[in-house]
Amino acid sequence: MPTRRSLQNIRRLLAQALHSLTVITTTTAGNAAGTSIIATRLANAVSSNRYKHAWVMPVAGAQSGVLRRVRAEDALNLTTGELMVAPAFAATVATSVEVEIHRLLPPDDDDGWTGLRTCINNALRESWVTDRLAVTGVGGQASYSLSAYEEWLDADAVLEFRRPALDTTLNPFPAGQFDPVRDADSLTLQVAPTIATGDAATLEVFRPADTFIRVAGVWATSTVGLVNETDECLLNPDLVVAVSLAHAYAALASGPDGSRFQELAVQQRRRANGAKLMGLDHTQRKLGTELTTGNGYGWNGKDWPMGPPYGW
């Protein structure tokens, strides 16, 4: 079973929300040409064209992660459960291999269609988590460069500057006046009073959820979001699915039945904004900053529960 916050699990939850996913386990090896998978469960379909245009992806075995398409008429044999795909897999898909079949959107971008992984990473990009960044004090220095975080950090996402804890049993405490200053491509933190040399201060910020990912069991900064099946994010999967679903409906709006999916996209965007309002941290900036009424990550920013107020 995929772990709860992994790409594989969130992708399946999203595909299920779209009523688009079938997961089967092959019961016989596919043909020698590599152009089929066989699962007796598929023989229960109501039509031999049930999966026409669907994407087929094994998630185990030698062909794991390889994406193929159902292209032919009557591609499904309702007697044997053999489903024909194209182009051929590089090798026969063996027996007892788990396979995902996606009818509406592919797992990854394909043939001009936005994939589910892109929808998920787009959802993570517009959501956020709280992080504390290390700032090492330099005596008498009133400005600290934040260039190491320039890839993802916004000035409006800076919440609090904290001095080291007075004791190992205590939490770090607010450091007084601070102000994140943006000057074109330069982002710095201005502090007053200054902190002593070597003090291990921390800067509390919101960071986009796609910039901090667990890969091979290790949490680290990421520039690519979720990539591997076992990669994990920090957010609740249900929240990620709610936001991803708005992106998925928007992707489907460019295809057949586009007007219906466009309407669903608008409705789901309202639900997604409401989910973000309830499920994400909306802590306001704290001591010593010019902005005291909120930031771009809170109610005063862009995430209105019924959609943005000015028709954005």
C-alpha atoms as a PDB file:
ATOM      1  CA  MET A   1       0.000   0.000   0.000  1.00  0.00           C
ATOM      2  CA  PRO A   2       1.300   3.503  -0.788  1.00  0.00           C
ATOM      3  CA  THR A   3       2.073   5.712   2.198  1.00  0.00           C
ATOM      4  CA  ARG A   4      -0.572   8.287   3.095  1.00  0.00           C
ATOM      5  CA  ARG A   5       1.147  11.459   1.852  1.00  0.00           C
ATOM      6  CA  SER A   6       2.986   9.903  -1.090  1.00  0.00           C
ATOM      7  CA  LEU A   7       2.568  10.926  -4.713  1.00  0.00           C
ATOM      8  CA  GLN A   8       1.081   7.540  -5.559  1.00  0.00           C
ATOM      9  CA  ASN A   9      -1.587   7.712  -2.873  1.00  0.00           C
ATOM     10  CA  ILE A  10      -2.553  11.339  -3.583  1.00  0.00           C
ATOM     11  CA  ARG A  11      -2.683  10.625  -7.337  1.00  0.00           C
ATOM     12  CA  ARG A  12      -5.054   7.717  -6.733  1.00  0.00           C
ATOM     13  CA  LEU A  13      -7.259   9.773  -4.429  1.00  0.00           C
ATOM     14  CA  LEU A  14      -7.420  12.511  -7.065  1.00  0.00           C
ATOM     15  CA  ALA A  15      -8.224  10.045  -9.855  1.00  0.00           C
ATOM     16  CA  GLN A  16     -10.929   8.483  -7.692  1.00  0.00           C
ATOM     17  CA  ALA A  17     -12.435  11.927  -7.098  1.00  0.00           C
ATOM     18  CA  LEU A  18     -12.595  12.291 -10.892  1.00  0.00           C
ATOM     19  CA  HIS A  19     -14.254   8.838 -11.158  1.00  0.00           C
ATOM     20  CA  SER A  20     -11.433   8.021 -13.537  1.00  0.00           C
ATOM     21  CA  LEU A  21      -9.365   5.231 -11.927  1.00  0.00           C
ATOM     22  CA  THR A  22      -9.314   1.464 -12.202  1.00  0.00           C
ATOM     23  CA  VAL A  23      -6.574  -0.457 -10.369  1.00  0.00           C
ATOM     24  CA  ILE A  24      -6.117  -4.087 -11.372  1.00  0.00           C
ATOM     25  CA  THR A  25      -3.562  -6.842 -10.869  1.00  0.00           C
ATOM     26  CA  THR A  26      -2.635  -8.860 -13.924  1.00  0.00           C
ATOM     27  CA  THR A  27      -3.672 -12.503 -13.725  1.00  0.00           C
ATOM     28  CA  THR A  28      -1.767 -13.677 -16.799  1.00  0.00           C
ATOM     29  CA  ALA A  29       1.293 -12.336 -18.574  1.00  0.00           C
ATOM     30  CA  GLY A  30       0.446 -10.070 -21.498  1.00  0.00           C
ATOM     31  CA  ASN A  31       1.232 -11.039 -25.056  1.00  0.00           C
ATOM     32  CA  ALA A  32       4.822 -11.541 -26.197  1.00  0.00           C
ATOM     33  CA  ALA A  33       4.714  -8.357 -28.290  1.00  0.00           C
ATOM     34  CA  GLY A  34       4.184  -6.248 -25.167  1.00  0.00           C
ATOM     35  CA  THR A  35       0.966  -4.736 -26.502  1.00  0.00           C
ATOM     36  CA  SER A  36      -1.438  -6.029 -23.874  1.00  0.00           C
ATOM     37  CA  ILE A  37      -2.174  -6.542 -20.207  1.00  0.00           C
ATOM     38  CA  ILE A  38      -4.447  -9.321 -18.973  1.00  0.00           C
ATOM     39  CA  ALA A  39      -6.623  -9.261 -15.844  1.00  0.00           C
ATOM     40  CA  THR A  40      -9.750 -11.342 -15.422  1.00  0.00           C
ATOM     41  CA  ARG A  41     -11.358  -8.455 -13.537  1.00  0.00           C
ATOM     42  CA  LEU A  42     -11.379  -6.406 -16.759  1.00  0.00           C
ATOM     43  CA  ALA A  43     -13.728  -8.963 -18.320  1.00  0.00           C
ATOM     44  CA  ASN A  44     -16.486  -7.532 -16.086  1.00  0.00           C
ATOM     45  CA  ALA A  45     -16.618  -4.337 -18.170  1.00  0.00           C
ATOM     46  CA  VAL A  46     -19.908  -3.509 -19.880  1.00  0.00           C
ATOM     47  CA  SER A  47     -18.276  -2.769 -23.243  1.00  0.00           C
ATOM     48  CA  SER A  48     -15.187  -3.717 -25.192  1.00  0.00           C
ATOM     49  CA  ASN A  49     -14.644   0.043 -25.610  1.00  0.00           C
ATOM     50  CA  ARG A  50     -14.905   0.756 -21.886  1.00  0.00           C
ATOM     51  CA  TYR A  51     -11.261   1.902 -21.715  1.00  0.00           C
ATOM     52  CA  LYS A  52     -10.857   3.408 -25.177  1.00  0.00           C
ATOM     53  CA  HIS A  53      -8.408   6.370 -25.026  1.00  0.00           C
ATOM     54  CA  ALA A  54      -7.501   5.502 -21.416  1.00  0.00           C
ATOM     55  CA  TRP A  55      -3.932   5.577 -20.136  1.00  0.00           C
ATOM     56  CA  VAL A  56      -2.410   2.371 -18.768  1.00  0.00           C
ATOM     57  CA  MET A  57       0.524   2.422 -16.329  1.00  0.00           C
ATOM     58  CA  PRO A  58       2.034  -0.516 -14.428  1.00  0.00           C
ATOM     59  CA  VAL A  59       3.132   0.544 -10.934  1.00  0.00           C
ATOM     60  CA  ALA A  60       5.321  -2.490 -10.267  1.00  0.00           C
ATOM     61  CA  GLY A  61       7.665  -4.749 -12.204  1.00  0.00           C
ATOM     62  CA  ALA A  62      10.036  -3.967 -15.055  1.00  0.00           C
ATOM     63  CA  GLN A  63       7.572  -1.614 -16.779  1.00  0.00           C
ATOM     64  CA  SER A  64       6.712   0.377 -13.660  1.00  0.00           C
ATOM     65  CA  GLY A  65       5.904   3.987 -14.495  1.00  0.00           C
ATOM     66  CA  VAL A  66       5.737   3.361 -18.261  1.00  0.00           C
ATOM     67  CA  LEU A  67       2.676   5.026 -19.771  1.00  0.00           C
ATOM     68  CA  ARG A  68       0.739   3.515 -22.675  1.00  0.00           C
ATOM     69  CA  ARG A  69      -2.612   4.291 -24.325  1.00  0.00           C
ATOM     70  CA  VAL A  70      -5.671   2.289 -25.382  1.00  0.00           C
ATOM     71  CA  ARG A  71      -6.171   3.345 -28.995  1.00  0.00           C
ATOM     72  CA  ALA A  72      -7.980   0.636 -30.931  1.00  0.00           C
ATOM     73  CA  GLU A  73     -11.696  -0.053 -31.233  1.00  0.00           C
ATOM     74  CA  ASP A  74     -12.826  -3.071 -29.182  1.00  0.00           C
ATOM     75  CA  ALA A  75      -9.442  -3.138 -27.441  1.00  0.00           C
ATOM     76  CA  LEU A  76     -10.810  -5.108 -24.488  1.00  0.00           C
ATOM     77  CA  ASN A  77     -11.577  -8.824 -24.766  1.00  0.00           C
ATOM     78  CA  LEU A  78     -14.616  -9.357 -22.543  1.00  0.00           C
ATOM     79  CA  THR A  79     -13.922 -13.074 -22.323  1.00  0.00           C
ATOM     80  CA  THR A  80     -10.264 -13.090 -21.296  1.00  0.00           C
ATOM     81  CA  GLY A  81      -9.823  -9.601 -19.828  1.00  0.00           C
ATOM     82  CA  GLU A  82      -6.995  -8.797 -22.263  1.00  0.00           C
ATOM     83  CA  LEU A  83      -6.618  -5.069 -22.966  1.00  0.00           C
ATOM     84  CA  MET A  84      -4.587  -3.921 -25.987  1.00  0.00           C
ATOM     85  CA  VAL A  85      -2.347  -0.858 -25.691  1.00  0.00           C
ATOM     86  CA  ALA A  86      -0.022   1.123 -27.931  1.00  0.00           C
ATOM     87  CA  PRO A  87       2.824   1.605 -28.403  1.00  0.00           C
ATOM     88  CA  ALA A  88       4.142  -1.703 -27.101  1.00  0.00           C
ATOM     89  CA  PHE A  89       5.793  -2.037 -23.733  1.00  0.00           C
ATOM     90  CA  ALA A  90       9.503  -2.811 -23.993  1.00  0.00           C
ATOM     91  CA  ALA A  91       8.768  -6.255 -22.561  1.00  0.00           C
ATOM     92  CA  THR A  92       5.807  -8.437 -21.689  1.00  0.00           C
ATOM     93  CA  VAL A  93       3.882  -7.235 -18.649  1.00  0.00           C
ATOM     94  CA  ALA A  94       4.173 -10.161 -16.270  1.00  0.00           C
ATOM     95  CA  THR A  95       1.522 -11.761 -14.095  1.00  0.00           C
ATOM     96  CA  SER A  96       0.710 -10.360 -10.607  1.00  0.00           C
ATOM     97  CA  VAL A  97       1.664  -6.803 -11.621  1.00  0.00           C
ATOM     98  CA  GLU A  98      -0.449  -3.929 -10.295  1.00  0.00           C
ATOM     99  CA  VAL A  99      -1.635  -1.595 -13.063  1.00  0.00           C
ATOM    100  CA  GLU A 100      -3.456   1.735 -12.973  1.00  0.00           C
ATOM    101  CA  ILE A 101      -5.911   2.607 -15.758  1.00  0.00           C
ATOM    102  CA  HIS A 102      -6.847   6.301 -16.014  1.00  0.00           C
ATOM    103  CA  ARG A 103      -9.767   7.280 -18.244  1.00  0.00           C
ATOM    104  CA  LEU A 104      -9.883  11.105 -18.008  1.00  0.00           C
ATOM    105  CA  LEU A 105      -6.375  12.438 -17.330  1.00  0.00           C
ATOM    106  CA  PRO A 106      -2.995  10.661 -17.511  1.00  0.00           C
ATOM    107  CA  PRO A 107      -0.829  10.159 -14.415  1.00  0.00           C
ATOM    108  CA  ASP A 108       1.824  12.392 -16.060  1.00  0.00           C
ATOM    109  CA  ASP A 109       1.611  14.994 -18.834  1.00  0.00           C
ATOM    110  CA  ASP A 110       0.977  13.202 -22.126  1.00  0.00           C
ATOM    111  CA  ASP A 111      -0.301  13.977 -25.614  1.00  0.00           C
ATOM    112  CA  GLY A 112      -1.080  17.593 -24.725  1.00  0.00           C
ATOM    113  CA  TRP A 113      -3.015  16.615 -21.597  1.00  0.00           C
ATOM    114  CA  THR A 114      -2.056  17.965 -18.192  1.00  0.00           C
ATOM    115  CA  GLY A 115      -1.227  15.006 -15.979  1.00  0.00           C
ATOM    116  CA  LEU A 116      -2.403  14.315 -12.446  1.00  0.00           C
ATOM    117  CA  ARG A 117       1.100  14.824 -11.058  1.00  0.00           C
ATOM    118  CA  THR A 118       1.187  18.333 -12.515  1.00  0.00           C
ATOM    119  CA  CYS A 119      -2.226  19.086 -10.992  1.00  0.00           C
ATOM    120  CA  ILE A 120      -0.956  17.882  -7.604  1.00  0.00           C
ATOM    121  CA  ASN A 121       2.266  19.897  -7.770  1.00  0.00           C
ATOM    122  CA  ASN A 122       0.296  22.973  -8.862  1.00  0.00           C
ATOM    123  CA  ALA A 123      -1.882  22.498  -5.788  1.00  0.00           C
ATOM    124  CA  LEU A 124       1.195  22.209  -3.551  1.00  0.00           C
ATOM    125  CA  ARG A 125       2.674  25.320  -5.150  1.00  0.00           C
ATOM    126  CA  GLU A 126      -0.318  27.464  -4.126  1.00  0.00           C
ATOM    127  CA  SER A 127      -0.490  25.939  -0.632  1.00  0.00           C
ATOM    128  CA  TRP A 128       2.021  26.416   2.167  1.00  0.00           C
ATOM    129  CA  VAL A 129       3.600  25.036   5.316  1.00  0.00           C
ATOM    130  CA  THR A 130       5.361  26.765   8.218  1.00  0.00           C
ATOM    131  CA  ASP A 131       9.149  26.547   8.376  1.00  0.00           C
ATOM    132  CA  ARG A 132      11.884  28.012  10.575  1.00  0.00           C
ATOM    133  CA  LEU A 133      15.056  29.041   8.760  1.00  0.00           C
ATOM    134  CA  ALA A 134      18.424  29.307  10.496  1.00  0.00           C
ATOM    135  CA  VAL A 135      19.996  32.776  10.841  1.00  0.00           C
ATOM    136  CA  THR A 136      23.434  32.928  12.464  1.00  0.00           C
ATOM    137  CA  GLY A 137      24.017  36.198  14.291  1.00  0.00           C
ATOM    138  CA  VAL A 138      26.832  38.626  13.474  1.00  0.00           C
ATOM    139  CA  GLY A 139      27.465  41.228  16.164  1.00  0.00           C
ATOM    140  CA  GLY A 140      26.338  44.718  15.111  1.00  0.00           C
ATOM    141  CA  GLN A 141      24.942  43.511  11.771  1.00  0.00           C
ATOM    142  CA  ALA A 142      21.477  44.895  11.078  1.00  0.00           C
ATOM    143  CA  SER A 143      20.840  43.220   7.700  1.00  0.00           C
ATOM    144  CA  TYR A 144      20.937  39.554   6.687  1.00  0.00           C
ATOM    145  CA  SER A 145      20.729  38.241   3.147  1.00  0.00           C
ATOM    146  CA  LEU A 146      17.958  35.761   2.382  1.00  0.00           C
ATOM    147  CA  SER A 147      19.371  34.885  -1.029  1.00  0.00           C
ATOM    148  CA  ALA A 148      19.654  31.201  -0.076  1.00  0.00           C
ATOM    149  CA  TYR A 149      15.843  31.091  -0.069  1.00  0.00           C
ATOM    150  CA  GLU A 150      15.286  33.419  -3.021  1.00  0.00           C
ATOM    151  CA  GLU A 151      13.931  30.557  -5.153  1.00  0.00           C
ATOM    152  CA  TRP A 152      10.732  30.359  -3.140  1.00  0.00           C
ATOM    153  CA  LEU A 153      10.574  32.907  -0.290  1.00  0.00           C
ATOM    154  CA  ASP A 154       8.284  35.951  -0.578  1.00  0.00           C
ATOM    155  CA  ALA A 155       8.688  38.943   1.713  1.00  0.00           C
ATOM    156  CA  ASP A 156       4.990  38.709   2.610  1.00  0.00           C
ATOM    157  CA  ALA A 157       5.547  35.143   3.825  1.00  0.00           C
ATOM    158  CA  VAL A 158       7.908  36.160   6.653  1.00  0.00           C
ATOM    159  CA  LEU A 159       6.109  35.844   9.994  1.00  0.00           C
ATOM    160  CA  GLU A 160       8.510  36.206  12.917  1.00  0.00           C
ATOM    161  CA  PHE A 161      12.180  36.561  13.817  1.00  0.00           C
ATOM    162  CA  ARG A 162      13.223  34.644  16.950  1.00  0.00           C
ATOM    163  CA  ARG A 163      16.312  34.804  19.138  1.00  0.00           C
ATOM    164  CA  PRO A 164      17.829  31.600  20.593  1.00  0.00           C
ATOM    165  CA  ALA A 165      15.991  30.071  23.535  1.00  0.00           C
ATOM    166  CA  LEU A 166      17.247  31.142  26.967  1.00  0.00           C
ATOM    167  CA  ASP A 167      17.279  27.513  28.041  1.00  0.00           C
ATOM    168  CA  THR A 168      17.069  24.132  26.321  1.00  0.00           C
ATOM    169  CA  THR A 169      13.663  23.603  27.941  1.00  0.00           C
ATOM    170  CA  LEU A 170      12.252  26.832  26.466  1.00  0.00           C
ATOM    171  CA  ASN A 171      11.168  27.902  23.009  1.00  0.00           C
ATOM    172  CA  PRO A 172      12.973  30.609  21.003  1.00  0.00           C
ATOM    173  CA  PHE A 173      11.489  34.035  21.763  1.00  0.00           C
ATOM    174  CA  PRO A 174      10.672  36.977  19.449  1.00  0.00           C
ATOM    175  CA  ALA A 175      13.730  39.080  18.672  1.00  0.00           C
ATOM    176  CA  GLY A 176      12.139  42.530  18.473  1.00  0.00           C
ATOM    177  CA  GLN A 177      11.828  44.696  15.363  1.00  0.00           C
ATOM    178  CA  PHE A 178      12.328  43.028  11.992  1.00  0.00           C
ATOM    179  CA  ASP A 179      11.409  43.771   8.405  1.00  0.00           C
ATOM    180  CA  PRO A 180      11.908  41.685   5.233  1.00  0.00           C
ATOM    181  CA  VAL A 181      12.981  44.082   2.481  1.00  0.00           C
ATOM    182  CA  ARG A 182      12.624  43.364  -1.224  1.00  0.00           C
ATOM    183  CA  ASP A 183      14.853  45.363  -3.578  1.00  0.00           C
ATOM    184  CA  ALA A 184      14.382  43.945  -7.100  1.00  0.00           C
ATOM    185  CA  ASP A 185      16.253  40.625  -7.058  1.00  0.00           C
ATOM    186  CA  SER A 186      17.565  41.139  -3.511  1.00  0.00           C
ATOM    187  CA  LEU A 187      15.708  39.969  -0.395  1.00  0.00           C
ATOM    188  CA  THR A 188      17.146  40.868   3.019  1.00  0.00           C
ATOM    189  CA  LEU A 189      16.038  40.778   6.618  1.00  0.00           C
ATOM    190  CA  GLN A 190      16.488  44.000   8.619  1.00  0.00           C
ATOM    191  CA  VAL A 191      16.641  43.529  12.406  1.00  0.00           C
ATOM    192  CA  ALA A 192      16.766  45.835  15.441  1.00  0.00           C
ATOM    193  CA  PRO A 193      18.276  45.430  17.916  1.00  0.00           C
ATOM    194  CA  THR A 194      21.103  43.399  16.425  1.00  0.00           C
ATOM    195  CA  ILE A 195      21.947  39.919  17.711  1.00  0.00           C
ATOM    196  CA  ALA A 196      25.229  38.642  19.094  1.00  0.00           C
ATOM    197  CA  THR A 197      27.824  36.862  16.993  1.00  0.00           C
ATOM    198  CA  GLY A 198      27.091  33.155  16.767  1.00  0.00           C
ATOM    199  CA  ASP A 199      23.547  33.376  18.097  1.00  0.00           C
ATOM    200  CA  ALA A 200      21.402  30.729  16.429  1.00  0.00           C
ATOM    201  CA  ALA A 201      18.350  32.794  15.539  1.00  0.00           C
ATOM    202  CA  THR A 202      15.460  31.526  13.441  1.00  0.00           C
ATOM    203  CA  LEU A 203      13.180  33.136  10.880  1.00  0.00           C
ATOM    204  CA  GLU A 204       9.616  31.802  10.885  1.00  0.00           C
ATOM    205  CA  VAL A 205       8.096  31.784   7.395  1.00  0.00           C
ATOM    206  CA  PHE A 206       5.432  30.268   5.203  1.00  0.00           C
ATOM    207  CA  ARG A 207       6.914  28.292   2.316  1.00  0.00           C
ATOM    208  CA  PRO A 208       5.141  26.796  -0.707  1.00  0.00           C
ATOM    209  CA  ALA A 209       4.423  23.146  -0.007  1.00  0.00           C
ATOM    210  CA  ASP A 210       6.101  21.968  -3.223  1.00  0.00           C
ATOM    211  CA  THR A 211       9.467  23.310  -2.015  1.00  0.00           C
ATOM    212  CA  PHE A 212       9.874  20.892   0.912  1.00  0.00           C
ATOM    213  CA  ILE A 213       9.531  17.237  -0.115  1.00  0.00           C
ATOM    214  CA  ARG A 214      10.527  13.897   1.371  1.00  0.00           C
ATOM    215  CA  VAL A 215      12.607  11.932  -1.141  1.00  0.00           C
ATOM    216  CA  ALA A 216      13.924   8.467  -0.260  1.00  0.00           C
ATOM    217  CA  GLY A 217      13.002   9.068   3.367  1.00  0.00           C
ATOM    218  CA  VAL A 218      14.762  12.449   3.693  1.00  0.00           C
ATOM    219  CA  TRP A 219      12.995  15.832   3.967  1.00  0.00           C
ATOM    220  CA  ALA A 220      14.782  18.528   1.963  1.00  0.00           C
ATOM    221  CA  THR A 221      14.322  21.607  -0.203  1.00  0.00           C
ATOM    222  CA  SER A 222      12.924  20.767  -3.633  1.00  0.00           C
ATOM    223  CA  THR A 223      12.581  22.695  -6.882  1.00  0.00           C
ATOM    224  CA  VAL A 224      10.501  20.015  -8.634  1.00  0.00           C
ATOM    225  CA  GLY A 225       7.806  18.978  -6.160  1.00  0.00           C
ATOM    226  CA  LEU A 226       6.615  15.367  -6.088  1.00  0.00           C
ATOM    227  CA  VAL A 227       8.354  13.255  -8.730  1.00  0.00           C
ATOM    228  CA  ASN A 228       8.812   9.661  -7.541  1.00  0.00           C
ATOM    229  CA  GLU A 229       5.978   7.391  -6.463  1.00  0.00           C
ATOM    230  CA  THR A 230       7.215   7.352  -2.850  1.00  0.00           C
ATOM    231  CA  ASP A 231       7.929  11.111  -2.589  1.00  0.00           C
ATOM    232  CA  GLU A 232       5.869  12.710   0.185  1.00  0.00           C
ATOM    233  CA  CYS A 233       4.548  16.190   0.983  1.00  0.00           C
ATOM    234  CA  LEU A 234       3.681  17.674   4.386  1.00  0.00           C
ATOM    235  CA  LEU A 235       0.010  18.454   3.761  1.00  0.00           C
ATOM    236  CA  ASN A 236      -3.101  16.437   4.492  1.00  0.00           C
ATOM    237  CA  PRO A 237      -3.897  14.392   1.346  1.00  0.00           C
ATOM    238  CA  ASP A 238      -7.569  15.402   1.430  1.00  0.00           C
ATOM    239  CA  LEU A 239      -6.604  19.079   1.285  1.00  0.00           C
ATOM    240  CA  VAL A 240      -4.183  18.434  -1.573  1.00  0.00           C
ATOM    241  CA  VAL A 241      -6.874  16.550  -3.504  1.00  0.00           C
ATOM    242  CA  ALA A 242      -9.433  19.342  -2.995  1.00  0.00           C
ATOM    243  CA  VAL A 243      -7.062  21.910  -4.500  1.00  0.00           C
ATOM    244  CA  SER A 244      -5.701  19.539  -7.171  1.00  0.00           C
ATOM    245  CA  LEU A 245      -9.235  18.810  -8.322  1.00  0.00           C
ATOM    246  CA  ALA A 246      -9.706  22.447  -9.356  1.00  0.00           C
ATOM    247  CA  HIS A 247      -6.614  22.143 -11.566  1.00  0.00           C
ATOM    248  CA  ALA A 248      -7.789  18.793 -12.954  1.00  0.00           C
ATOM    249  CA  TYR A 249     -11.203  20.148 -13.959  1.00  0.00           C
ATOM    250  CA  ALA A 250      -9.479  23.141 -15.584  1.00  0.00           C
ATOM    251  CA  ALA A 251      -7.310  20.731 -17.589  1.00  0.00           C
ATOM    252  CA  LEU A 252     -10.364  18.761 -18.709  1.00  0.00           C
ATOM    253  CA  ALA A 253     -12.103  21.975 -19.792  1.00  0.00           C
ATOM    254  CA  SER A 254      -9.892  22.021 -22.900  1.00  0.00           C
ATOM    255  CA  GLY A 255     -11.240  18.679 -24.114  1.00  0.00           C
ATOM    256  CA  PRO A 256     -14.605  17.095 -24.933  1.00  0.00           C
ATOM    257  CA  ASP A 257     -17.489  18.315 -22.774  1.00  0.00           C
ATOM    258  CA  GLY A 258     -15.322  21.321 -21.970  1.00  0.00           C
ATOM    259  CA  SER A 259     -18.105  23.652 -20.838  1.00  0.00           C
ATOM    260  CA  ARG A 260     -19.244  21.201 -18.157  1.00  0.00           C
ATOM    261  CA  PHE A 261     -15.722  20.777 -16.832  1.00  0.00           C
ATOM    262  CA  GLN A 262     -15.164  24.530 -16.891  1.00  0.00           C
ATOM    263  CA  GLU A 263     -18.213  24.978 -14.672  1.00  0.00           C
ATOM    264  CA  LEU A 264     -16.909  22.255 -12.366  1.00  0.00           C
ATOM    265  CA  ALA A 265     -13.512  23.982 -12.281  1.00  0.00           C
ATOM    266  CA  VAL A 266     -15.107  27.251 -11.114  1.00  0.00           C
ATOM    267  CA  GLN A 267     -17.144  25.462  -8.452  1.00  0.00           C
ATOM    268  CA  GLN A 268     -14.166  23.445  -7.254  1.00  0.00           C
ATOM    269  CA  ARG A 269     -11.966  26.540  -7.054  1.00  0.00           C
ATOM    270  CA  ARG A 270     -14.402  27.968  -4.503  1.00  0.00           C
ATOM    271  CA  ARG A 271     -14.289  24.708  -2.545  1.00  0.00           C
ATOM    272  CA  ALA A 272     -10.495  24.625  -2.792  1.00  0.00           C
ATOM    273  CA  ASN A 273     -10.185  28.155  -1.440  1.00  0.00           C
ATOM    274  CA  GLY A 274     -12.480  27.241   1.420  1.00  0.00           C
ATOM    275  CA  ALA A 275     -10.414  24.113   2.118  1.00  0.00           C
ATOM    276  CA  LYS A 276      -7.240  26.222   2.184  1.00  0.00           C
ATOM    277  CA  LEU A 277      -8.881  28.717   4.519  1.00  0.00           C
ATOM    278  CA  MET A 278      -9.778  25.933   6.951  1.00  0.00           C
ATOM    279  CA  GLY A 279      -6.806  23.596   6.462  1.00  0.00           C
ATOM    280  CA  LEU A 280      -3.762  25.886   6.185  1.00  0.00           C
ATOM    281  CA  ASP A 281      -2.051  28.047   8.795  1.00  0.00           C
ATOM    282  CA  HIS A 282      -3.137  31.692   8.470  1.00  0.00           C
ATOM    283  CA  THR A 283      -1.029  33.123  11.294  1.00  0.00           C
ATOM    284  CA  GLN A 284      -0.542  36.847  10.808  1.00  0.00           C
ATOM    285  CA  ARG A 285       2.781  38.651  10.990  1.00  0.00           C
ATOM    286  CA  LYS A 286       3.739  39.329  14.545  1.00  0.00           C
ATOM    287  CA  LEU A 287       5.994  41.831  16.306  1.00  0.00           C
ATOM    288  CA  GLY A 288       7.707  44.801  14.787  1.00  0.00           C
ATOM    289  CA  THR A 289       6.557  44.772  11.169  1.00  0.00           C
ATOM    290  CA  GLU A 290       4.851  47.408   9.096  1.00  0.00           C
ATOM    291  CA  LEU A 291       2.171  44.989   7.929  1.00  0.00           C
ATOM    292  CA  THR A 292      -0.216  44.089  10.744  1.00  0.00           C
ATOM    293  CA  THR A 293      -3.441  43.265   8.925  1.00  0.00           C
ATOM    294  CA  GLY A 294      -2.407  40.066   7.182  1.00  0.00           C
ATOM    295  CA  ASN A 295      -0.355  38.825   4.278  1.00  0.00           C
ATOM    296  CA  GLY A 296      -0.794  37.120   0.945  1.00  0.00           C
ATOM    297  CA  TYR A 297      -1.226  33.796   2.687  1.00  0.00           C
ATOM    298  CA  GLY A 298      -4.170  34.825   4.866  1.00  0.00           C
ATOM    299  CA  TRP A 299      -7.739  36.025   4.728  1.00  0.00           C
ATOM    300  CA  ASN A 300      -6.620  39.484   3.609  1.00  0.00           C
ATOM    301  CA  GLY A 301      -4.766  37.926   0.701  1.00  0.00           C
ATOM    302  CA  LYS A 302      -5.907  35.857  -2.241  1.00  0.00           C
ATOM    303  CA  ASP A 303      -7.630  32.866  -0.692  1.00  0.00           C
ATOM    304  CA  TRP A 304     -11.240  33.967  -0.436  1.00  0.00           C
ATOM    305  CA  PRO A 305     -13.610  31.089   0.377  1.00  0.00           C
ATOM    306  CA  MET A 306     -16.088  32.008  -2.350  1.00  0.00           C
ATOM    307  CA  GLY A 307     -13.471  33.036  -4.897  1.00  0.00           C
ATOM    308  CA  PRO A 308     -11.480  36.268  -5.221  1.00  0.00           C
ATOM    309  CA  PRO A 309     -13.480  39.465  -4.757  1.00  0.00           C
ATOM    310  CA  TYR A 310     -12.591  41.243  -7.981  1.00  0.00           C
ATOM    311  CA  GLY A 311     -13.064  38.469 -10.551  1.00  0.00           C
ATOM    312  CA  TRP A 312      -9.403  37.463 -10.808  1.00  0.00           C
END
